[in-house]
Amino acid sequence: MNPATKRPRKRTTFSVEQLVLLEQYFSQRQYICADERARLSIRLGLEEVQIKIWFQNRRIRWRRDLNKP
C-alpha cells in the first residue's frame, strides 16, 4: 500500500474488562516498560501500540486532574 493512500486507524473501543486492568496497572505505575506492555498486550488481546497510546492519554488526564483547583 502506498504511504500516501494509507488510511487512518479506527478508534479503539476498550471493553470494561480491558479498562479495569489498564487502570489497575496505571494505579501502580504511570509508565509501562516494553516487557509489561508485551505481556499486557497478550493478556488483553490488544496491540502494543494501543496500550502505549492508552498510557500516554491516561497520563495526560492524570496530570490535568492533578492541576485542577
PDB file of N, CA and C in Angstrom:
ATOM      1  N   MET A   1       0.842  -1.178   0.000  1.00  0.00           N
ATOM      2  CA  MET A   1       0.000   0.000   0.000  1.00  0.00           C
ATOM      3  C   MET A   1       0.885   1.239   0.000  1.00  0.00           C
ATOM      4  N   ASN A   2       0.568   2.169  -0.839  1.00  0.00           N
ATOM      5  CA  ASN A   2       1.296   3.426  -0.939  1.00  0.00           C
ATOM      6  C   ASN A   2       1.089   4.242   0.336  1.00  0.00           C
ATOM      7  N   PRO A   3       2.164   4.743   0.962  1.00  0.00           N
ATOM      8  CA  PRO A   3       2.003   5.517   2.206  1.00  0.00           C
ATOM      9  C   PRO A   3       1.106   6.742   2.050  1.00  0.00           C
ATOM     10  N   ALA A   4       1.040   7.299   0.855  1.00  0.00           N
ATOM     11  CA  ALA A   4       0.196   8.470   0.634  1.00  0.00           C
ATOM     12  C   ALA A   4      -1.289   8.116   0.712  1.00  0.00           C
ATOM     13  N   THR A   5      -1.636   6.861   0.446  1.00  0.00           N
ATOM     14  CA  THR A   5      -3.043   6.448   0.490  1.00  0.00           C
ATOM     15  C   THR A   5      -3.375   5.673   1.761  1.00  0.00           C
ATOM     16  N   LYS A   6      -2.470   5.711   2.721  1.00  0.00           N
ATOM     17  CA  LYS A   6      -2.668   4.983   3.971  1.00  0.00           C
ATOM     18  C   LYS A   6      -3.875   5.543   4.726  1.00  0.00           C
ATOM     19  N   ARG A   7      -4.740   4.663   5.173  1.00  0.00           N
ATOM     20  CA  ARG A   7      -5.945   5.088   5.889  1.00  0.00           C
ATOM     21  C   ARG A   7      -5.654   5.219   7.373  1.00  0.00           C
ATOM     22  N   PRO A   8      -6.320   6.168   8.020  1.00  0.00           N
ATOM     23  CA  PRO A   8      -6.106   6.302   9.469  1.00  0.00           C
ATOM     24  C   PRO A   8      -6.691   5.112  10.221  1.00  0.00           C
ATOM     25  N   ARG A   9      -6.102   4.825  11.350  1.00  0.00           N
ATOM     26  CA  ARG A   9      -6.561   3.742  12.206  1.00  0.00           C
ATOM     27  C   ARG A   9      -7.945   4.046  12.761  1.00  0.00           C
ATOM     28  N   LYS A  10      -8.747   3.017  12.945  1.00  0.00           N
ATOM     29  CA  LYS A  10     -10.047   3.217  13.586  1.00  0.00           C
ATOM     30  C   LYS A  10      -9.842   3.425  15.071  1.00  0.00           C
ATOM     31  N   ARG A  11     -10.717   4.169  15.664  1.00  0.00           N
ATOM     32  CA  ARG A  11     -10.648   4.439  17.096  1.00  0.00           C
ATOM     33  C   ARG A  11     -10.918   3.143  17.862  1.00  0.00           C
ATOM     34  N   THR A  12     -10.076   2.874  18.857  1.00  0.00           N
ATOM     35  CA  THR A  12     -10.220   1.659  19.657  1.00  0.00           C
ATOM     36  C   THR A  12     -11.273   1.866  20.733  1.00  0.00           C
ATOM     37  N   THR A  13     -12.177   0.923  20.855  1.00  0.00           N
ATOM     38  CA  THR A  13     -13.142   0.922  21.947  1.00  0.00           C
ATOM     39  C   THR A  13     -12.741  -0.200  22.891  1.00  0.00           C
ATOM     40  N   PHE A  14     -12.321   0.186  24.087  1.00  0.00           N
ATOM     41  CA  PHE A  14     -11.865  -0.796  25.064  1.00  0.00           C
ATOM     42  C   PHE A  14     -13.059  -1.363  25.818  1.00  0.00           C
ATOM     43  N   SER A  15     -13.002  -2.653  26.104  1.00  0.00           N
ATOM     44  CA  SER A  15     -14.061  -3.281  26.888  1.00  0.00           C
ATOM     45  C   SER A  15     -13.896  -2.883  28.356  1.00  0.00           C
ATOM     46  N   VAL A  16     -14.920  -3.126  29.138  1.00  0.00           N
ATOM     47  CA  VAL A  16     -14.875  -2.814  30.567  1.00  0.00           C
ATOM     48  C   VAL A  16     -13.735  -3.582  31.232  1.00  0.00           C
ATOM     49  N   GLU A  17     -13.592  -4.849  30.885  1.00  0.00           N
ATOM     50  CA  GLU A  17     -12.527  -5.674  31.476  1.00  0.00           C
ATOM     51  C   GLU A  17     -11.146  -5.132  31.133  1.00  0.00           C
ATOM     52  N   GLN A  18     -10.970  -4.713  29.879  1.00  0.00           N
ATOM     53  CA  GLN A  18      -9.687  -4.148  29.467  1.00  0.00           C
ATOM     54  C   GLN A  18      -9.392  -2.867  30.240  1.00  0.00           C
ATOM     55  N   LEU A  19     -10.396  -2.004  30.373  1.00  0.00           N
ATOM     56  CA  LEU A  19     -10.204  -0.742  31.087  1.00  0.00           C
ATOM     57  C   LEU A  19      -9.882  -0.962  32.558  1.00  0.00           C
ATOM     58  N   VAL A  20     -10.548  -1.923  33.173  1.00  0.00           N
ATOM     59  CA  VAL A  20     -10.284  -2.217  34.587  1.00  0.00           C
ATOM     60  C   VAL A  20      -8.829  -2.629  34.766  1.00  0.00           C
ATOM     61  N   LEU A  21      -8.347  -3.516  33.917  1.00  0.00           N
ATOM     62  CA  LEU A  21      -6.964  -3.983  34.036  1.00  0.00           C
ATOM     63  C   LEU A  21      -5.966  -2.864  33.718  1.00  0.00           C
ATOM     64  N   LEU A  22      -6.251  -2.074  32.694  1.00  0.00           N
ATOM     65  CA  LEU A  22      -5.368  -0.951  32.361  1.00  0.00           C
ATOM     66  C   LEU A  22      -5.298   0.045  33.520  1.00  0.00           C
ATOM     67  N   GLU A  23      -6.437   0.350  34.123  1.00  0.00           N
ATOM     68  CA  GLU A  23      -6.458   1.284  35.256  1.00  0.00           C
ATOM     69  C   GLU A  23      -5.715   0.708  36.458  1.00  0.00           C
ATOM     70  N   GLN A  24      -5.819  -0.602  36.674  1.00  0.00           N
ATOM     71  CA  GLN A  24      -5.085  -1.231  37.778  1.00  0.00           C
ATOM     72  C   GLN A  24      -3.582  -1.080  37.570  1.00  0.00           C
ATOM     73  N   TYR A  25      -3.122  -1.339  36.354  1.00  0.00           N
ATOM     74  CA  TYR A  25      -1.697  -1.170  36.050  1.00  0.00           C
ATOM     75  C   TYR A  25      -1.289   0.284  36.249  1.00  0.00           C
ATOM     76  N   PHE A  26      -2.126   1.210  35.761  1.00  0.00           N
ATOM     77  CA  PHE A  26      -1.796   2.631  35.852  1.00  0.00           C
ATOM     78  C   PHE A  26      -1.737   3.097  37.303  1.00  0.00           C
ATOM     79  N   SER A  27      -2.593   2.568  38.150  1.00  0.00           N
ATOM     80  CA  SER A  27      -2.589   2.986  39.557  1.00  0.00           C
ATOM     81  C   SER A  27      -1.308   2.549  40.265  1.00  0.00           C
ATOM     82  N   GLN A  28      -0.680   1.482  39.780  1.00  0.00           N
ATOM     83  CA  GLN A  28       0.580   1.011  40.361  1.00  0.00           C
ATOM     84  C   GLN A  28       1.762   1.802  39.820  1.00  0.00           C
ATOM     85  N   ARG A  29       1.742   2.089  38.528  1.00  0.00           N
ATOM     86  CA  ARG A  29       2.815   2.878  37.915  1.00  0.00           C
ATOM     87  C   ARG A  29       2.280   3.556  36.662  1.00  0.00           C
ATOM     88  N   GLN A  30       2.679   4.790  36.466  1.00  0.00           N
ATOM     89  CA  GLN A  30       2.158   5.579  35.354  1.00  0.00           C
ATOM     90  C   GLN A  30       2.898   5.323  34.038  1.00  0.00           C
ATOM     91  N   TYR A  31       4.043   4.660  34.132  1.00  0.00           N
ATOM     92  CA  TYR A  31       4.808   4.331  32.929  1.00  0.00           C
ATOM     93  C   TYR A  31       4.945   2.818  32.846  1.00  0.00           C
ATOM     94  N   ILE A  32       4.790   2.278  31.648  1.00  0.00           N
ATOM     95  CA  ILE A  32       4.842   0.832  31.462  1.00  0.00           C
ATOM     96  C   ILE A  32       6.046   0.496  30.578  1.00  0.00           C
ATOM     97  N   CYS A  33       6.840  -0.472  31.012  1.00  0.00           N
ATOM     98  CA  CYS A  33       8.020  -0.866  30.229  1.00  0.00           C
ATOM     99  C   CYS A  33       7.587  -1.789  29.085  1.00  0.00           C
ATOM    100  N   ALA A  34       8.498  -2.009  28.162  1.00  0.00           N
ATOM    101  CA  ALA A  34       8.193  -2.801  26.964  1.00  0.00           C
ATOM    102  C   ALA A  34       7.793  -4.234  27.309  1.00  0.00           C
ATOM    103  N   ASP A  35       8.458  -4.823  28.308  1.00  0.00           N
ATOM    104  CA  ASP A  35       8.120  -6.202  28.691  1.00  0.00           C
ATOM    105  C   ASP A  35       6.698  -6.298  29.238  1.00  0.00           C
ATOM    106  N   GLU A  36       6.345  -5.374  30.122  1.00  0.00           N
ATOM    107  CA  GLU A  36       4.987  -5.374  30.687  1.00  0.00           C
ATOM    108  C   GLU A  36       3.958  -5.090  29.603  1.00  0.00           C
ATOM    109  N   ARG A  37       4.304  -4.182  28.699  1.00  0.00           N
ATOM    110  CA  ARG A  37       3.392  -3.844  27.608  1.00  0.00           C
ATOM    111  C   ARG A  37       3.141  -5.074  26.733  1.00  0.00           C
ATOM    112  N   ALA A  38       4.171  -5.854  26.468  1.00  0.00           N
ATOM    113  CA  ALA A  38       4.017  -7.068  25.651  1.00  0.00           C
ATOM    114  C   ALA A  38       3.131  -8.089  26.359  1.00  0.00           C
ATOM    115  N   ARG A  39       3.364  -8.282  27.663  1.00  0.00           N
ATOM    116  CA  ARG A  39       2.537  -9.234  28.423  1.00  0.00           C
ATOM    117  C   ARG A  39       1.083  -8.771  28.480  1.00  0.00           C
ATOM    118  N   LEU A  40       0.888  -7.489  28.726  1.00  0.00           N
ATOM    119  CA  LEU A  40      -0.466  -6.934  28.801  1.00  0.00           C
ATOM    120  C   LEU A  40      -1.162  -7.037  27.445  1.00  0.00           C
ATOM    121  N   SER A  41      -0.417  -6.845  26.383  1.00  0.00           N
ATOM    122  CA  SER A  41      -0.954  -6.953  25.032  1.00  0.00           C
ATOM    123  C   SER A  41      -1.535  -8.342  24.784  1.00  0.00           C
ATOM    124  N   ILE A  42      -0.783  -9.356  25.175  1.00  0.00           N
ATOM    125  CA  ILE A  42      -1.251 -10.741  25.007  1.00  0.00           C
ATOM    126  C   ILE A  42      -2.467 -11.002  25.885  1.00  0.00           C
ATOM    127  N   ARG A  43      -2.384 -10.561  27.124  1.00  0.00           N
ATOM    128  CA  ARG A  43      -3.472 -10.805  28.082  1.00  0.00           C
ATOM    129  C   ARG A  43      -4.780 -10.138  27.664  1.00  0.00           C
ATOM    130  N   LEU A  44      -4.683  -8.916  27.103  1.00  0.00           N
ATOM    131  CA  LEU A  44      -5.889  -8.166  26.746  1.00  0.00           C
ATOM    132  C   LEU A  44      -6.323  -8.361  25.295  1.00  0.00           C
ATOM    133  N   GLY A  45      -5.447  -8.945  24.481  1.00  0.00           N
ATOM    134  CA  GLY A  45      -5.778  -9.120  23.071  1.00  0.00           C
ATOM    135  C   GLY A  45      -5.733  -7.815  22.301  1.00  0.00           C
ATOM    136  N   LEU A  46      -4.829  -6.927  22.702  1.00  0.00           N
ATOM    137  CA  LEU A  46      -4.666  -5.636  22.039  1.00  0.00           C
ATOM    138  C   LEU A  46      -3.262  -5.549  21.463  1.00  0.00           C
ATOM    139  N   GLU A  47      -3.056  -4.609  20.541  1.00  0.00           N
ATOM    140  CA  GLU A  47      -1.717  -4.369  20.023  1.00  0.00           C
ATOM    141  C   GLU A  47      -0.937  -3.545  21.043  1.00  0.00           C
ATOM    142  N   GLU A  48       0.375  -3.734  21.052  1.00  0.00           N
ATOM    143  CA  GLU A  48       1.208  -2.993  22.000  1.00  0.00           C
ATOM    144  C   GLU A  48       1.063  -1.492  21.815  1.00  0.00           C
ATOM    145  N   VAL A  49       0.936  -1.061  20.577  1.00  0.00           N
ATOM    146  CA  VAL A  49       0.822   0.374  20.317  1.00  0.00           C
ATOM    147  C   VAL A  49      -0.476   0.931  20.919  1.00  0.00           C
ATOM    148  N   GLN A  50      -1.538   0.136  20.947  1.00  0.00           N
ATOM    149  CA  GLN A  50      -2.794   0.591  21.552  1.00  0.00           C
ATOM    150  C   GLN A  50      -2.608   0.807  23.054  1.00  0.00           C
ATOM    151  N   ILE A  51      -1.852  -0.074  23.689  1.00  0.00           N
ATOM    152  CA  ILE A  51      -1.592   0.051  25.121  1.00  0.00           C
ATOM    153  C   ILE A  51      -0.696   1.253  25.380  1.00  0.00           C
ATOM    154  N   LYS A  52       0.308   1.432  24.540  1.00  0.00           N
ATOM    155  CA  LYS A  52       1.218   2.571  24.685  1.00  0.00           C
ATOM    156  C   LYS A  52       0.449   3.891  24.595  1.00  0.00           C
ATOM    157  N   ILE A  53      -0.419   4.000  23.608  1.00  0.00           N
ATOM    158  CA  ILE A  53      -1.208   5.222  23.417  1.00  0.00           C
ATOM    159  C   ILE A  53      -2.179   5.418  24.573  1.00  0.00           C
ATOM    160  N   TRP A  54      -2.777   4.323  25.068  1.00  0.00           N
ATOM    161  CA  TRP A  54      -3.694   4.441  26.200  1.00  0.00           C
ATOM    162  C   TRP A  54      -2.960   5.032  27.399  1.00  0.00           C
ATOM    163  N   PHE A  55      -1.750   4.550  27.682  1.00  0.00           N
ATOM    164  CA  PHE A  55      -0.968   5.071  28.803  1.00  0.00           C
ATOM    165  C   PHE A  55      -0.599   6.535  28.580  1.00  0.00           C
ATOM    166  N   GLN A  56      -0.248   6.905  27.359  1.00  0.00           N
ATOM    167  CA  GLN A  56       0.068   8.308  27.069  1.00  0.00           C
ATOM    168  C   GLN A  56      -1.139   9.195  27.350  1.00  0.00           C
ATOM    169  N   ASN A  57      -2.290   8.785  26.843  1.00  0.00           N
ATOM    170  CA  ASN A  57      -3.507   9.571  27.042  1.00  0.00           C
ATOM    171  C   ASN A  57      -3.919   9.604  28.507  1.00  0.00           C
ATOM    172  N   ARG A  58      -3.746   8.506  29.208  1.00  0.00           N
ATOM    173  CA  ARG A  58      -4.123   8.441  30.625  1.00  0.00           C
ATOM    174  C   ARG A  58      -3.232   9.346  31.468  1.00  0.00           C
ATOM    175  N   ARG A  59      -1.931   9.425  31.132  1.00  0.00           N
ATOM    176  CA  ARG A  59      -1.035  10.331  31.859  1.00  0.00           C
ATOM    177  C   ARG A  59      -1.435  11.784  31.653  1.00  0.00           C
ATOM    178  N   ILE A  60      -1.894  12.105  30.461  1.00  0.00           N
ATOM    179  CA  ILE A  60      -2.353  13.473  30.189  1.00  0.00           C
ATOM    180  C   ILE A  60      -3.553  13.797  31.068  1.00  0.00           C
ATOM    181  N   ARG A  61      -4.530  12.876  31.145  1.00  0.00           N
ATOM    182  CA  ARG A  61      -5.705  13.096  32.008  1.00  0.00           C
ATOM    183  C   ARG A  61      -5.298  13.183  33.468  1.00  0.00           C
ATOM    184  N   TRP A  62      -4.351  12.336  33.880  1.00  0.00           N
ATOM    185  CA  TRP A  62      -3.866  12.306  35.264  1.00  0.00           C
ATOM    186  C   TRP A  62      -3.233  13.650  35.638  1.00  0.00           C
ATOM    187  N   ARG A  63      -2.364  14.173  34.779  1.00  0.00           N
ATOM    188  CA  ARG A  63      -1.724  15.467  35.054  1.00  0.00           C
ATOM    189  C   ARG A  63      -2.746  16.597  35.083  1.00  0.00           C
ATOM    190  N   ARG A  64      -3.697  16.550  34.165  1.00  0.00           N
ATOM    191  CA  ARG A  64      -4.732  17.582  34.115  1.00  0.00           C
ATOM    192  C   ARG A  64      -5.552  17.568  35.408  1.00  0.00           C
ATOM    193  N   ASP A  65      -5.880  16.366  35.893  1.00  0.00           N
ATOM    194  CA  ASP A  65      -6.653  16.251  37.131  1.00  0.00           C
ATOM    195  C   ASP A  65      -5.849  16.710  38.342  1.00  0.00           C
ATOM    196  N   LEU A  66      -4.538  16.493  38.331  1.00  0.00           N
ATOM    197  CA  LEU A  66      -3.691  16.958  39.437  1.00  0.00           C
ATOM    198  C   LEU A  66      -3.660  18.479  39.517  1.00  0.00           C
ATOM    199  N   ASN A  67      -3.759  19.138  38.378  1.00  0.00           N
ATOM    200  CA  ASN A  67      -3.673  20.597  38.328  1.00  0.00           C
ATOM    201  C   ASN A  67      -5.012  21.297  38.512  1.00  0.00           C
ATOM    202  N   LYS A  68      -6.084  20.536  38.629  1.00  0.00           N
ATOM    203  CA  LYS A  68      -7.398  21.156  38.844  1.00  0.00           C
ATOM    204  C   LYS A  68      -7.461  21.755  40.243  1.00  0.00           C
ATOM    205  N   PRO A  69      -8.081  22.928  40.361  1.00  0.00           N
ATOM    206  CA  PRO A  69      -8.205  23.553  41.702  1.00  0.00           C
ATOM    207  C   PRO A  69      -9.178  22.820  42.602  1.00  0.00           C
TER     208      PRO A  69
END
